[in-house]
Amino acid sequence: MAVKYKTRSERRRRRHWRIRKKIFGTPERPRLAVFGSLNHIYAQMIDDLAGHTIVSASTLDKEIAGKIKHGGNVEAAKLVGQLIAKRALEKGIKRVVFDRGGHAYHGRVKALADAVRSEGIEF
């Protein structure tokens, strides 16, 4: 009998594991990993070959924290997407592989991805 993952976080972790088997970031095309908690959203571009984070942004950054009232909504996700895209372009990153972290491509995750695309980063 198959193991059933009952809690929401266990199901998300399982989906993330399935996604990560197929997605891999390189220095030329890093992985844009997104994680969202109830109160904040985090994004980072990762070079999986070296195991290093190249660029990161979150609602906890000083540039964003002063502009928002709550970090767990779509407006905050758009600001994080714009900030990480700006930082990536400064480092010369123009293409990424998107890792939604097991979350549905909807709401905050979609808003962040659309903001990154609108700043000129290609998925």
PDB file of N, CA and C in Angstrom:
ATOM      1  N   MET A   1       0.842  -1.174   0.000  1.00  0.00           N
ATOM      2  CA  MET A   1       0.000   0.000   0.000  1.00  0.00           C
ATOM      3  C   MET A   1       0.894   1.247   0.000  1.00  0.00           C
ATOM      4  N   ALA A   2       0.537   2.209  -0.795  1.00  0.00           N
ATOM      5  CA  ALA A   2       1.329   3.438  -0.929  1.00  0.00           C
ATOM      6  C   ALA A   2       1.194   4.312   0.313  1.00  0.00           C
ATOM      7  N   VAL A   3       2.261   5.045   0.597  1.00  0.00           N
ATOM      8  CA  VAL A   3       2.244   5.974   1.723  1.00  0.00           C
ATOM      9  C   VAL A   3       1.417   7.187   1.335  1.00  0.00           C
ATOM     10  N   LYS A   4       0.516   7.590   2.204  1.00  0.00           N
ATOM     11  CA  LYS A   4      -0.310   8.764   1.925  1.00  0.00           C
ATOM     12  C   LYS A   4       0.233   9.939   2.722  1.00  0.00           C
ATOM     13  N   TYR A   5       0.454  11.049   2.020  1.00  0.00           N
ATOM     14  CA  TYR A   5       0.937  12.258   2.664  1.00  0.00           C
ATOM     15  C   TYR A   5      -0.267  13.115   2.982  1.00  0.00           C
ATOM     16  N   LYS A   6      -0.547  13.276   4.251  1.00  0.00           N
ATOM     17  CA  LYS A   6      -1.811  13.867   4.644  1.00  0.00           C
ATOM     18  C   LYS A   6      -1.764  15.369   4.835  1.00  0.00           C
ATOM     19  N   THR A   7      -0.693  15.889   5.400  1.00  0.00           N
ATOM     20  CA  THR A   7      -0.695  17.318   5.666  1.00  0.00           C
ATOM     21  C   THR A   7      -0.354  18.098   4.405  1.00  0.00           C
ATOM     22  N   ARG A   8      -0.753  19.323   4.386  1.00  0.00           N
ATOM     23  CA  ARG A   8      -0.525  20.196   3.238  1.00  0.00           C
ATOM     24  C   ARG A   8       0.970  20.367   2.957  1.00  0.00           C
ATOM     25  N   SER A   9       1.744  20.565   4.021  1.00  0.00           N
ATOM     26  CA  SER A   9       3.186  20.761   3.842  1.00  0.00           C
ATOM     27  C   SER A   9       3.863  19.490   3.340  1.00  0.00           C
ATOM     28  N   GLU A  10       3.418  18.332   3.770  1.00  0.00           N
ATOM     29  CA  GLU A  10       3.980  17.076   3.272  1.00  0.00           C
ATOM     30  C   GLU A  10       3.683  16.898   1.787  1.00  0.00           C
ATOM     31  N   ARG A  11       2.485  17.245   1.364  1.00  0.00           N
ATOM     32  CA  ARG A  11       2.127  17.129  -0.056  1.00  0.00           C
ATOM     33  C   ARG A  11       2.949  18.107  -0.901  1.00  0.00           C
ATOM     34  N   ARG A  12       3.156  19.337  -0.391  1.00  0.00           N
ATOM     35  CA  ARG A  12       3.963  20.313  -1.119  1.00  0.00           C
ATOM     36  C   ARG A  12       5.412  19.842  -1.227  1.00  0.00           C
ATOM     37  N   ARG A  13       5.954  19.326  -0.138  1.00  0.00           N
ATOM     38  CA  ARG A  13       7.327  18.817  -0.141  1.00  0.00           C
ATOM     39  C   ARG A  13       7.493  17.690  -1.157  1.00  0.00           C
ATOM     40  N   ARG A  14       6.503  16.829  -1.245  1.00  0.00           N
ATOM     41  CA  ARG A  14       6.540  15.700  -2.191  1.00  0.00           C
ATOM     42  C   ARG A  14       6.521  16.227  -3.630  1.00  0.00           C
ATOM     43  N   ARG A  15       5.655  17.197  -3.917  1.00  0.00           N
ATOM     44  CA  ARG A  15       5.616  17.801  -5.270  1.00  0.00           C
ATOM     45  C   ARG A  15       6.939  18.473  -5.586  1.00  0.00           C
ATOM     46  N   HIS A  16       7.506  19.193  -4.616  1.00  0.00           N
ATOM     47  CA  HIS A  16       8.784  19.872  -4.826  1.00  0.00           C
ATOM     48  C   HIS A  16       9.883  18.869  -5.146  1.00  0.00           C
ATOM     49  N   TRP A  17       9.901  17.752  -4.462  1.00  0.00           N
ATOM     50  CA  TRP A  17      10.883  16.708  -4.723  1.00  0.00           C
ATOM     51  C   TRP A  17      10.764  16.189  -6.159  1.00  0.00           C
ATOM     52  N   ARG A  18       9.537  15.973  -6.630  1.00  0.00           N
ATOM     53  CA  ARG A  18       9.318  15.508  -8.009  1.00  0.00           C
ATOM     54  C   ARG A  18       9.810  16.534  -9.020  1.00  0.00           C
ATOM     55  N   ILE A  19       9.541  17.808  -8.759  1.00  0.00           N
ATOM     56  CA  ILE A  19       9.963  18.879  -9.658  1.00  0.00           C
ATOM     57  C   ILE A  19      11.485  18.987  -9.688  1.00  0.00           C
ATOM     58  N   ARG A  20      12.117  18.910  -8.513  1.00  0.00           N
ATOM     59  CA  ARG A  20      13.563  19.088  -8.423  1.00  0.00           C
ATOM     60  C   ARG A  20      14.348  17.972  -9.105  1.00  0.00           C
ATOM     61  N   LYS A  21      13.737  16.806  -9.309  1.00  0.00           N
ATOM     62  CA  LYS A  21      14.413  15.730 -10.032  1.00  0.00           C
ATOM     63  C   LYS A  21      14.695  16.147 -11.467  1.00  0.00           C
ATOM     64  N   LYS A  22      13.869  17.034 -12.008  1.00  0.00           N
ATOM     65  CA  LYS A  22      13.951  17.405 -13.414  1.00  0.00           C
ATOM     66  C   LYS A  22      14.603  18.763 -13.649  1.00  0.00           C
ATOM     67  N   ILE A  23      14.628  19.634 -12.643  1.00  0.00           N
ATOM     68  CA  ILE A  23      15.116  21.001 -12.816  1.00  0.00           C
ATOM     69  C   ILE A  23      16.506  21.133 -12.210  1.00  0.00           C
ATOM     70  N   PHE A  24      17.411  21.778 -12.964  1.00  0.00           N
ATOM     71  CA  PHE A  24      18.789  21.938 -12.504  1.00  0.00           C
ATOM     72  C   PHE A  24      19.307  23.288 -12.966  1.00  0.00           C
ATOM     73  N   GLY A  25      19.920  24.033 -12.060  1.00  0.00           N
ATOM     74  CA  GLY A  25      20.439  25.357 -12.380  1.00  0.00           C
ATOM     75  C   GLY A  25      21.925  25.325 -12.689  1.00  0.00           C
ATOM     76  N   THR A  26      22.337  26.099 -13.685  1.00  0.00           N
ATOM     77  CA  THR A  26      23.747  26.219 -14.059  1.00  0.00           C
ATOM     78  C   THR A  26      24.164  27.681 -13.890  1.00  0.00           C
ATOM     79  N   PRO A  27      25.462  27.977 -13.984  1.00  0.00           N
ATOM     80  CA  PRO A  27      25.871  29.385 -13.879  1.00  0.00           C
ATOM     81  C   PRO A  27      25.275  30.256 -14.993  1.00  0.00           C
ATOM     82  N   GLU A  28      25.116  29.702 -16.194  1.00  0.00           N
ATOM     83  CA  GLU A  28      24.552  30.467 -17.303  1.00  0.00           C
ATOM     84  C   GLU A  28      23.038  30.612 -17.191  1.00  0.00           C
ATOM     85  N   ARG A  29      22.392  29.584 -16.656  1.00  0.00           N
ATOM     86  CA  ARG A  29      20.936  29.580 -16.512  1.00  0.00           C
ATOM     87  C   ARG A  29      20.573  29.043 -15.120  1.00  0.00           C
ATOM     88  N   PRO A  30      20.637  29.899 -14.100  1.00  0.00           N
ATOM     89  CA  PRO A  30      20.384  29.430 -12.732  1.00  0.00           C
ATOM     90  C   PRO A  30      18.920  29.093 -12.487  1.00  0.00           C
ATOM     91  N   ARG A  31      18.699  28.400 -11.394  1.00  0.00           N
ATOM     92  CA  ARG A  31      17.342  28.014 -10.991  1.00  0.00           C
ATOM     93  C   ARG A  31      16.759  29.130 -10.128  1.00  0.00           C
ATOM     94  N   LEU A  32      15.590  29.628 -10.529  1.00  0.00           N
ATOM     95  CA  LEU A  32      14.872  30.632  -9.741  1.00  0.00           C
ATOM     96  C   LEU A  32      13.919  29.893  -8.820  1.00  0.00           C
ATOM     97  N   ALA A  33      14.325  29.746  -7.558  1.00  0.00           N
ATOM     98  CA  ALA A  33      13.542  29.008  -6.571  1.00  0.00           C
ATOM     99  C   ALA A  33      12.664  29.969  -5.786  1.00  0.00           C
ATOM    100  N   VAL A  34      11.401  29.601  -5.623  1.00  0.00           N
ATOM    101  CA  VAL A  34      10.432  30.441  -4.916  1.00  0.00           C
ATOM    102  C   VAL A  34       9.919  29.667  -3.707  1.00  0.00           C
ATOM    103  N   PHE A  35       9.874  30.348  -2.578  1.00  0.00           N
ATOM    104  CA  PHE A  35       9.277  29.769  -1.368  1.00  0.00           C
ATOM    105  C   PHE A  35       8.374  30.819  -0.748  1.00  0.00           C
ATOM    106  N   GLY A  36       7.204  30.404  -0.361  1.00  0.00           N
ATOM    107  CA  GLY A  36       6.288  31.337   0.277  1.00  0.00           C
ATOM    108  C   GLY A  36       5.790  30.799   1.599  1.00  0.00           C
ATOM    109  N   SER A  37       5.945  31.587   2.654  1.00  0.00           N
ATOM    110  CA  SER A  37       5.339  31.257   3.934  1.00  0.00           C
ATOM    111  C   SER A  37       4.059  32.090   4.045  1.00  0.00           C
ATOM    112  N   LEU A  38       3.390  32.018   5.157  1.00  0.00           N
ATOM    113  CA  LEU A  38       2.163  32.792   5.304  1.00  0.00           C
ATOM    114  C   LEU A  38       2.431  34.293   5.300  1.00  0.00           C
ATOM    115  N   ASN A  39       3.566  34.703   5.868  1.00  0.00           N
ATOM    116  CA  ASN A  39       3.832  36.122   6.032  1.00  0.00           C
ATOM    117  C   ASN A  39       4.860  36.704   5.078  1.00  0.00           C
ATOM    118  N   HIS A  40       5.596  35.879   4.356  1.00  0.00           N
ATOM    119  CA  HIS A  40       6.658  36.386   3.487  1.00  0.00           C
ATOM    120  C   HIS A  40       6.793  35.523   2.249  1.00  0.00           C
ATOM    121  N   ILE A  41       7.483  36.056   1.246  1.00  0.00           N
ATOM    122  CA  ILE A  41       7.819  35.288   0.054  1.00  0.00           C
ATOM    123  C   ILE A  41       9.299  35.512  -0.236  1.00  0.00           C
ATOM    124  N   TYR A  42       9.963  34.449  -0.616  1.00  0.00           N
ATOM    125  CA  TYR A  42      11.404  34.459  -0.829  1.00  0.00           C
ATOM    126  C   TYR A  42      11.702  33.936  -2.230  1.00  0.00           C
ATOM    127  N   ALA A  43      12.710  34.508  -2.876  1.00  0.00           N
ATOM    128  CA  ALA A  43      13.141  34.027  -4.186  1.00  0.00           C
ATOM    129  C   ALA A  43      14.660  34.066  -4.225  1.00  0.00           C
ATOM    130  N   GLN A  44      15.249  33.054  -4.845  1.00  0.00           N
ATOM    131  CA  GLN A  44      16.693  33.053  -5.006  1.00  0.00           C
ATOM    132  C   GLN A  44      17.074  32.364  -6.300  1.00  0.00           C
ATOM    133  N   MET A  45      18.150  32.846  -6.909  1.00  0.00           N
ATOM    134  CA  MET A  45      18.690  32.235  -8.113  1.00  0.00           C
ATOM    135  C   MET A  45      19.905  31.431  -7.701  1.00  0.00           C
ATOM    136  N   ILE A  46      19.868  30.140  -8.024  1.00  0.00           N
ATOM    137  CA  ILE A  46      20.843  29.197  -7.498  1.00  0.00           C
ATOM    138  C   ILE A  46      21.606  28.522  -8.627  1.00  0.00           C
ATOM    139  N   ASP A  47      22.923  28.456  -8.470  1.00  0.00           N
ATOM    140  CA  ASP A  47      23.789  27.671  -9.343  1.00  0.00           C
ATOM    141  C   ASP A  47      23.949  26.320  -8.669  1.00  0.00           C
ATOM    142  N   ASP A  48      23.266  25.285  -9.184  1.00  0.00           N
ATOM    143  CA  ASP A  48      23.290  23.976  -8.544  1.00  0.00           C
ATOM    144  C   ASP A  48      24.626  23.258  -8.745  1.00  0.00           C
ATOM    145  N   LEU A  49      25.379  23.611  -9.780  1.00  0.00           N
ATOM    146  CA  LEU A  49      26.684  22.985  -9.981  1.00  0.00           C
ATOM    147  C   LEU A  49      27.634  23.335  -8.838  1.00  0.00           C
ATOM    148  N   ALA A  50      27.675  24.602  -8.463  1.00  0.00           N
ATOM    149  CA  ALA A  50      28.541  25.051  -7.375  1.00  0.00           C
ATOM    150  C   ALA A  50      27.846  24.981  -6.023  1.00  0.00           C
ATOM    151  N   GLY A  51      26.518  24.897  -6.029  1.00  0.00           N
ATOM    152  CA  GLY A  51      25.773  24.869  -4.781  1.00  0.00           C
ATOM    153  C   GLY A  51      25.722  26.223  -4.101  1.00  0.00           C
ATOM    154  N   HIS A  52      25.690  27.307  -4.902  1.00  0.00           N
ATOM    155  CA  HIS A  52      25.696  28.654  -4.352  1.00  0.00           C
ATOM    156  C   HIS A  52      24.482  29.449  -4.810  1.00  0.00           C
ATOM    157  N   THR A  53      24.019  30.323  -3.937  1.00  0.00           N
ATOM    158  CA  THR A  53      22.983  31.279  -4.301  1.00  0.00           C
ATOM    159  C   THR A  53      23.662  32.474  -4.941  1.00  0.00           C
ATOM    160  N   ILE A  54      23.242  32.821  -6.154  1.00  0.00           N
ATOM    161  CA  ILE A  54      23.834  33.936  -6.887  1.00  0.00           C
ATOM    162  C   ILE A  54      23.171  35.245  -6.474  1.00  0.00           C
ATOM    163  N   VAL A  55      21.829  35.248  -6.461  1.00  0.00           N
ATOM    164  CA  VAL A  55      21.058  36.443  -6.131  1.00  0.00           C
ATOM    165  C   VAL A  55      19.855  36.004  -5.297  1.00  0.00           C
ATOM    166  N   SER A  56      19.447  36.857  -4.359  1.00  0.00           N
ATOM    167  CA  SER A  56      18.249  36.540  -3.597  1.00  0.00           C
ATOM    168  C   SER A  56      17.471  37.819  -3.302  1.00  0.00           C
ATOM    169  N   ALA A  57      16.187  37.640  -3.008  1.00  0.00           N
ATOM    170  CA  ALA A  57      15.321  38.750  -2.621  1.00  0.00           C
ATOM    171  C   ALA A  57      14.159  38.173  -1.816  1.00  0.00           C
ATOM    172  N   SER A  58      13.648  38.961  -0.914  1.00  0.00           N
ATOM    173  CA  SER A  58      12.483  38.537  -0.139  1.00  0.00           C
ATOM    174  C   SER A  58      11.754  39.768   0.378  1.00  0.00           C
ATOM    175  N   THR A  59      10.626  39.534   0.987  1.00  0.00           N
ATOM    176  CA  THR A  59       9.867  40.637   1.555  1.00  0.00           C
ATOM    177  C   THR A  59      10.528  41.170   2.817  1.00  0.00           C
ATOM    178  N   LEU A  60      11.566  40.513   3.288  1.00  0.00           N
ATOM    179  CA  LEU A  60      12.301  40.986   4.461  1.00  0.00           C
ATOM    180  C   LEU A  60      13.397  41.979   4.098  1.00  0.00           C
ATOM    181  N   ASP A  61      13.719  42.121   2.797  1.00  0.00           N
ATOM    182  CA  ASP A  61      14.741  43.074   2.357  1.00  0.00           C
ATOM    183  C   ASP A  61      14.310  44.493   2.685  1.00  0.00           C
ATOM    184  N   LYS A  62      15.277  45.325   3.037  1.00  0.00           N
ATOM    185  CA  LYS A  62      14.984  46.712   3.428  1.00  0.00           C
ATOM    186  C   LYS A  62      14.318  47.494   2.304  1.00  0.00           C
ATOM    187  N   GLU A  63      14.685  47.183   1.053  1.00  0.00           N
ATOM    188  CA  GLU A  63      14.115  47.898  -0.093  1.00  0.00           C
ATOM    189  C   GLU A  63      12.617  47.652  -0.239  1.00  0.00           C
ATOM    190  N   ILE A  64      12.145  46.513   0.231  1.00  0.00           N
ATOM    191  CA  ILE A  64      10.733  46.154   0.078  1.00  0.00           C
ATOM    192  C   ILE A  64       9.962  46.342   1.371  1.00  0.00           C
ATOM    193  N   ALA A  65      10.581  46.013   2.506  1.00  0.00           N
ATOM    194  CA  ALA A  65       9.876  46.007   3.791  1.00  0.00           C
ATOM    195  C   ALA A  65       9.219  47.348   4.115  1.00  0.00           C
ATOM    196  N   GLY A  66       9.828  48.461   3.701  1.00  0.00           N
ATOM    197  CA  GLY A  66       9.244  49.768   3.977  1.00  0.00           C
ATOM    198  C   GLY A  66       8.057  50.113   3.101  1.00  0.00           C
ATOM    199  N   LYS A  67       7.915  49.431   1.963  1.00  0.00           N
ATOM    200  CA  LYS A  67       6.853  49.746   1.008  1.00  0.00           C
ATOM    201  C   LYS A  67       5.567  48.953   1.234  1.00  0.00           C
ATOM    202  N   ILE A  68       5.670  47.837   1.975  1.00  0.00           N
ATOM    203  CA  ILE A  68       4.512  46.950   2.099  1.00  0.00           C
ATOM    204  C   ILE A  68       4.016  46.885   3.537  1.00  0.00           C
ATOM    205  N   LYS A  69       2.744  46.573   3.640  1.00  0.00           N
ATOM    206  CA  LYS A  69       2.145  46.420   4.962  1.00  0.00           C
ATOM    207  C   LYS A  69       2.223  44.955   5.395  1.00  0.00           C
ATOM    208  N   HIS A  70       1.997  44.040   4.434  1.00  0.00           N
ATOM    209  CA  HIS A  70       2.023  42.598   4.709  1.00  0.00           C
ATOM    210  C   HIS A  70       2.816  41.915   3.603  1.00  0.00           C
ATOM    211  N   GLY A  71       3.727  41.030   3.955  1.00  0.00           N
ATOM    212  CA  GLY A  71       4.599  40.387   2.977  1.00  0.00           C
ATOM    213  C   GLY A  71       4.049  39.136   2.353  1.00  0.00           C
ATOM    214  N   GLY A  72       2.872  38.690   2.732  1.00  0.00           N
ATOM    215  CA  GLY A  72       2.342  37.434   2.220  1.00  0.00           C
ATOM    216  C   GLY A  72       1.243  37.605   1.204  1.00  0.00           C
ATOM    217  N   ASN A  73       1.317  38.659   0.371  1.00  0.00           N
ATOM    218  CA  ASN A  73       0.256  38.854  -0.620  1.00  0.00           C
ATOM    219  C   ASN A  73       0.838  39.054  -2.022  1.00  0.00           C
ATOM    220  N   VAL A  74      -0.030  39.190  -3.011  1.00  0.00           N
ATOM    221  CA  VAL A  74       0.371  39.276  -4.406  1.00  0.00           C
ATOM    222  C   VAL A  74       1.187  40.546  -4.679  1.00  0.00           C
ATOM    223  N   GLU A  75       0.819  41.652  -4.078  1.00  0.00           N
ATOM    224  CA  GLU A  75       1.555  42.903  -4.299  1.00  0.00           C
ATOM    225  C   GLU A  75       3.001  42.779  -3.822  1.00  0.00           C
ATOM    226  N   ALA A  76       3.202  42.149  -2.687  1.00  0.00           N
ATOM    227  CA  ALA A  76       4.554  41.930  -2.168  1.00  0.00           C
ATOM    228  C   ALA A  76       5.338  41.003  -3.090  1.00  0.00           C
ATOM    229  N   ALA A  77       4.676  39.979  -3.631  1.00  0.00           N
ATOM    230  CA  ALA A  77       5.339  39.046  -4.538  1.00  0.00           C
ATOM    231  C   ALA A  77       5.807  39.756  -5.809  1.00  0.00           C
ATOM    232  N   LYS A  78       5.000  40.702  -6.305  1.00  0.00           N
ATOM    233  CA  LYS A  78       5.402  41.470  -7.488  1.00  0.00           C
ATOM    234  C   LYS A  78       6.658  42.281  -7.204  1.00  0.00           C
ATOM    235  N   LEU A  79       6.728  42.910  -6.039  1.00  0.00           N
ATOM    236  CA  LEU A  79       7.905  43.701  -5.667  1.00  0.00           C
ATOM    237  C   LEU A  79       9.149  42.817  -5.540  1.00  0.00           C
ATOM    238  N   VAL A  80       8.988  41.622  -4.970  1.00  0.00           N
ATOM    239  CA  VAL A  80      10.118  40.698  -4.848  1.00  0.00           C
ATOM    240  C   VAL A  80      10.583  40.261  -6.231  1.00  0.00           C
ATOM    241  N   GLY A  81       9.644  39.987  -7.135  1.00  0.00           N
ATOM    242  CA  GLY A  81       9.996  39.606  -8.506  1.00  0.00           C
ATOM    243  C   GLY A  81      10.763  40.694  -9.227  1.00  0.00           C
ATOM    244  N   GLN A  82      10.323  41.933  -9.076  1.00  0.00           N
ATOM    245  CA  GLN A  82      11.018  43.050  -9.715  1.00  0.00           C
ATOM    246  C   GLN A  82      12.420  43.227  -9.141  1.00  0.00           C
ATOM    247  N   LEU A  83      12.544  43.084  -7.815  1.00  0.00           N
ATOM    248  CA  LEU A  83      13.842  43.269  -7.165  1.00  0.00           C
ATOM    249  C   LEU A  83      14.834  42.179  -7.555  1.00  0.00           C
ATOM    250  N   ILE A  84      14.388  40.925  -7.576  1.00  0.00           N
ATOM    251  CA  ILE A  84      15.331  39.858  -7.921  1.00  0.00           C
ATOM    252  C   ILE A  84      15.731  39.939  -9.390  1.00  0.00           C
ATOM    253  N   ALA A  85      14.811  40.375 -10.255  1.00  0.00           N
ATOM    254  CA  ALA A  85      15.149  40.541 -11.671  1.00  0.00           C
ATOM    255  C   ALA A  85      16.178  41.653 -11.849  1.00  0.00           C
ATOM    256  N   LYS A  86      15.998  42.743 -11.127  1.00  0.00           N
ATOM    257  CA  LYS A  86      16.956  43.858 -11.202  1.00  0.00           C
ATOM    258  C   LYS A  86      18.342  43.400 -10.752  1.00  0.00           C
ATOM    259  N   ARG A  87      18.396  42.670  -9.649  1.00  0.00           N
ATOM    260  CA  ARG A  87      19.675  42.175  -9.138  1.00  0.00           C
ATOM    261  C   ARG A  87      20.307  41.164 -10.095  1.00  0.00           C
ATOM    262  N   ALA A  88      19.483  40.332 -10.729  1.00  0.00           N
ATOM    263  CA  ALA A  88      20.001  39.337 -11.666  1.00  0.00           C
ATOM    264  C   ALA A  88      20.585  40.009 -12.907  1.00  0.00           C
ATOM    265  N   LEU A  89      19.899  41.017 -13.421  1.00  0.00           N
ATOM    266  CA  LEU A  89      20.398  41.727 -14.599  1.00  0.00           C
ATOM    267  C   LEU A  89      21.722  42.423 -14.295  1.00  0.00           C
ATOM    268  N   GLU A  90      21.887  42.915 -13.064  1.00  0.00           N
ATOM    269  CA  GLU A  90      23.158  43.521 -12.666  1.00  0.00           C
ATOM    270  C   GLU A  90      24.291  42.504 -12.683  1.00  0.00           C
ATOM    271  N   LYS A  91      23.961  41.232 -12.402  1.00  0.00           N
ATOM    272  CA  LYS A  91      24.961  40.155 -12.411  1.00  0.00           C
ATOM    273  C   LYS A  91      25.120  39.532 -13.800  1.00  0.00           C
ATOM    274  N   GLY A  92      24.325  39.995 -14.771  1.00  0.00           N
ATOM    275  CA  GLY A  92      24.428  39.485 -16.139  1.00  0.00           C
ATOM    276  C   GLY A  92      23.592  38.256 -16.422  1.00  0.00           C
ATOM    277  N   ILE A  93      22.621  37.965 -15.581  1.00  0.00           N
ATOM    278  CA  ILE A  93      21.749  36.806 -15.781  1.00  0.00           C
ATOM    279  C   ILE A  93      20.538  37.240 -16.594  1.00  0.00           C
ATOM    280  N   LYS A  94      20.324  36.565 -17.726  1.00  0.00           N
ATOM    281  CA  LYS A  94      19.193  36.905 -18.591  1.00  0.00           C
ATOM    282  C   LYS A  94      18.194  35.758 -18.740  1.00  0.00           C
ATOM    283  N   ARG A  95      18.627  34.524 -18.426  1.00  0.00           N
ATOM    284  CA  ARG A  95      17.761  33.355 -18.554  1.00  0.00           C
ATOM    285  C   ARG A  95      17.811  32.536 -17.270  1.00  0.00           C
ATOM    286  N   VAL A  96      16.669  31.995 -16.868  1.00  0.00           N
ATOM    287  CA  VAL A  96      16.588  31.175 -15.663  1.00  0.00           C
ATOM    288  C   VAL A  96      15.688  29.963 -15.905  1.00  0.00           C
ATOM    289  N   VAL A  97      15.780  28.998 -15.002  1.00  0.00           N
ATOM    290  CA  VAL A  97      14.871  27.859 -14.949  1.00  0.00           C
ATOM    291  C   VAL A  97      13.982  28.101 -13.736  1.00  0.00           C
ATOM    292  N   PHE A  98      12.674  28.030 -13.898  1.00  0.00           N
ATOM    293  CA  PHE A  98      11.750  28.377 -12.813  1.00  0.00           C
ATOM    294  C   PHE A  98      11.429  27.156 -11.958  1.00  0.00           C
ATOM    295  N   ASP A  99      11.603  27.287 -10.647  1.00  0.00           N
ATOM    296  CA  ASP A  99      11.295  26.241  -9.678  1.00  0.00           C
ATOM    297  C   ASP A  99      10.236  26.795  -8.732  1.00  0.00           C
ATOM    298  N   ARG A 100       9.002  26.338  -8.903  1.00  0.00           N
ATOM    299  CA  ARG A 100       7.895  26.884  -8.110  1.00  0.00           C
ATOM    300  C   ARG A 100       7.830  26.296  -6.710  1.00  0.00           C
ATOM    301  N   GLY A 101       8.717  25.379  -6.395  1.00  0.00           N
ATOM    302  CA  GLY A 101       8.823  24.870  -5.031  1.00  0.00           C
ATOM    303  C   GLY A 101       7.664  24.023  -4.569  1.00  0.00           C
ATOM    304  N   GLY A 102       6.952  23.393  -5.486  1.00  0.00           N
ATOM    305  CA  GLY A 102       5.822  22.558  -5.101  1.00  0.00           C
ATOM    306  C   GLY A 102       4.527  23.324  -4.941  1.00  0.00           C
ATOM    307  N   HIS A 103       4.591  24.649  -5.030  1.00  0.00           N
ATOM    308  CA  HIS A 103       3.387  25.468  -4.925  1.00  0.00           C
ATOM    309  C   HIS A 103       2.683  25.516  -6.274  1.00  0.00           C
ATOM    310  N   ALA A 104       1.385  25.727  -6.272  1.00  0.00           N
ATOM    311  CA  ALA A 104       0.626  25.859  -7.512  1.00  0.00           C
ATOM    312  C   ALA A 104       1.054  27.139  -8.233  1.00  0.00           C
ATOM    313  N   TYR A 105       1.108  27.090  -9.558  1.00  0.00           N
ATOM    314  CA  TYR A 105       1.462  28.281 -10.340  1.00  0.00           C
ATOM    315  C   TYR A 105       0.226  29.171 -10.398  1.00  0.00           C
ATOM    316  N   HIS A 106       0.012  29.901  -9.314  1.00  0.00           N
ATOM    317  CA  HIS A 106      -1.194  30.697  -9.157  1.00  0.00           C
ATOM    318  C   HIS A 106      -0.937  31.701  -8.038  1.00  0.00           C
ATOM    319  N   GLY A 107      -1.608  32.812  -8.061  1.00  0.00           N
ATOM    320  CA  GLY A 107      -1.506  33.773  -6.975  1.00  0.00           C
ATOM    321  C   GLY A 107      -0.131  34.390  -6.843  1.00  0.00           C
ATOM    322  N   ARG A 108       0.486  34.239  -5.670  1.00  0.00           N
ATOM    323  CA  ARG A 108       1.776  34.872  -5.386  1.00  0.00           C
ATOM    324  C   ARG A 108       2.896  34.349  -6.278  1.00  0.00           C
ATOM    325  N   VAL A 109       2.912  33.034  -6.521  1.00  0.00           N
ATOM    326  CA  VAL A 109       3.971  32.445  -7.350  1.00  0.00           C
ATOM    327  C   VAL A 109       3.877  32.985  -8.775  1.00  0.00           C
ATOM    328  N   LYS A 110       2.674  33.053  -9.308  1.00  0.00           N
ATOM    329  CA  LYS A 110       2.469  33.571 -10.663  1.00  0.00           C
ATOM    330  C   LYS A 110       2.805  35.061 -10.727  1.00  0.00           C
ATOM    331  N   ALA A 111       2.424  35.819  -9.716  1.00  0.00           N
ATOM    332  CA  ALA A 111       2.712  37.252  -9.689  1.00  0.00           C
ATOM    333  C   ALA A 111       4.218  37.501  -9.675  1.00  0.00           C
ATOM    334  N   LEU A 112       4.955  36.720  -8.898  1.00  0.00           N
ATOM    335  CA  LEU A 112       6.409  36.857  -8.853  1.00  0.00           C
ATOM    336  C   LEU A 112       7.016  36.518 -10.209  1.00  0.00           C
ATOM    337  N   ALA A 113       6.572  35.415 -10.810  1.00  0.00           N
ATOM    338  CA  ALA A 113       7.103  35.000 -12.119  1.00  0.00           C
ATOM    339  C   ALA A 113       6.803  36.037 -13.195  1.00  0.00           C
ATOM    340  N   ASP A 114       5.597  36.579 -13.200  1.00  0.00           N
ATOM    341  CA  ASP A 114       5.230  37.592 -14.196  1.00  0.00           C
ATOM    342  C   ASP A 114       6.057  38.862 -14.024  1.00  0.00           C
ATOM    343  N   ALA A 115       6.329  39.239 -12.762  1.00  0.00           N
ATOM    344  CA  ALA A 115       7.139  40.430 -12.496  1.00  0.00           C
ATOM    345  C   ALA A 115       8.575  40.231 -12.986  1.00  0.00           C
ATOM    346  N   VAL A 116       9.110  39.036 -12.792  1.00  0.00           N
ATOM    347  CA  VAL A 116      10.466  38.730 -13.263  1.00  0.00           C
ATOM    348  C   VAL A 116      10.515  38.791 -14.787  1.00  0.00           C
ATOM    349  N   ARG A 117       9.506  38.210 -15.436  1.00  0.00           N
ATOM    350  CA  ARG A 117       9.450  38.248 -16.905  1.00  0.00           C
ATOM    351  C   ARG A 117       9.328  39.675 -17.434  1.00  0.00           C
ATOM    352  N   SER A 118       8.524  40.493 -16.767  1.00  0.00           N
ATOM    353  CA  SER A 118       8.308  41.879 -17.234  1.00  0.00           C
ATOM    354  C   SER A 118       9.576  42.715 -17.130  1.00  0.00           C
ATOM    355  N   GLU A 119      10.500  42.314 -16.271  1.00  0.00           N
ATOM    356  CA  GLU A 119      11.785  43.037 -16.134  1.00  0.00           C
ATOM    357  C   GLU A 119      12.827  42.569 -17.152  1.00  0.00           C
ATOM    358  N   GLY A 120      12.500  41.551 -17.953  1.00  0.00           N
ATOM    359  CA  GLY A 120      13.402  41.142 -19.026  1.00  0.00           C
ATOM    360  C   GLY A 120      14.118  39.819 -18.828  1.00  0.00           C
ATOM    361  N   ILE A 121      13.783  39.061 -17.804  1.00  0.00           N
ATOM    362  CA  ILE A 121      14.393  37.754 -17.594  1.00  0.00           C
ATOM    363  C   ILE A 121      13.568  36.722 -18.360  1.00  0.00           C
ATOM    364  N   GLU A 122      14.255  35.827 -19.066  1.00  0.00           N
ATOM    365  CA  GLU A 122      13.585  34.812 -19.882  1.00  0.00           C
ATOM    366  C   GLU A 122      13.541  33.494 -19.143  1.00  0.00           C
ATOM    367  N   PHE A 123      12.378  32.829 -19.153  1.00  0.00           N
ATOM    368  CA  PHE A 123      12.229  31.494 -18.521  1.00  0.00           C
ATOM    369  C   PHE A 123      12.401  30.442 -19.587  1.00  0.00           C
TER     370      PHE A 123
END
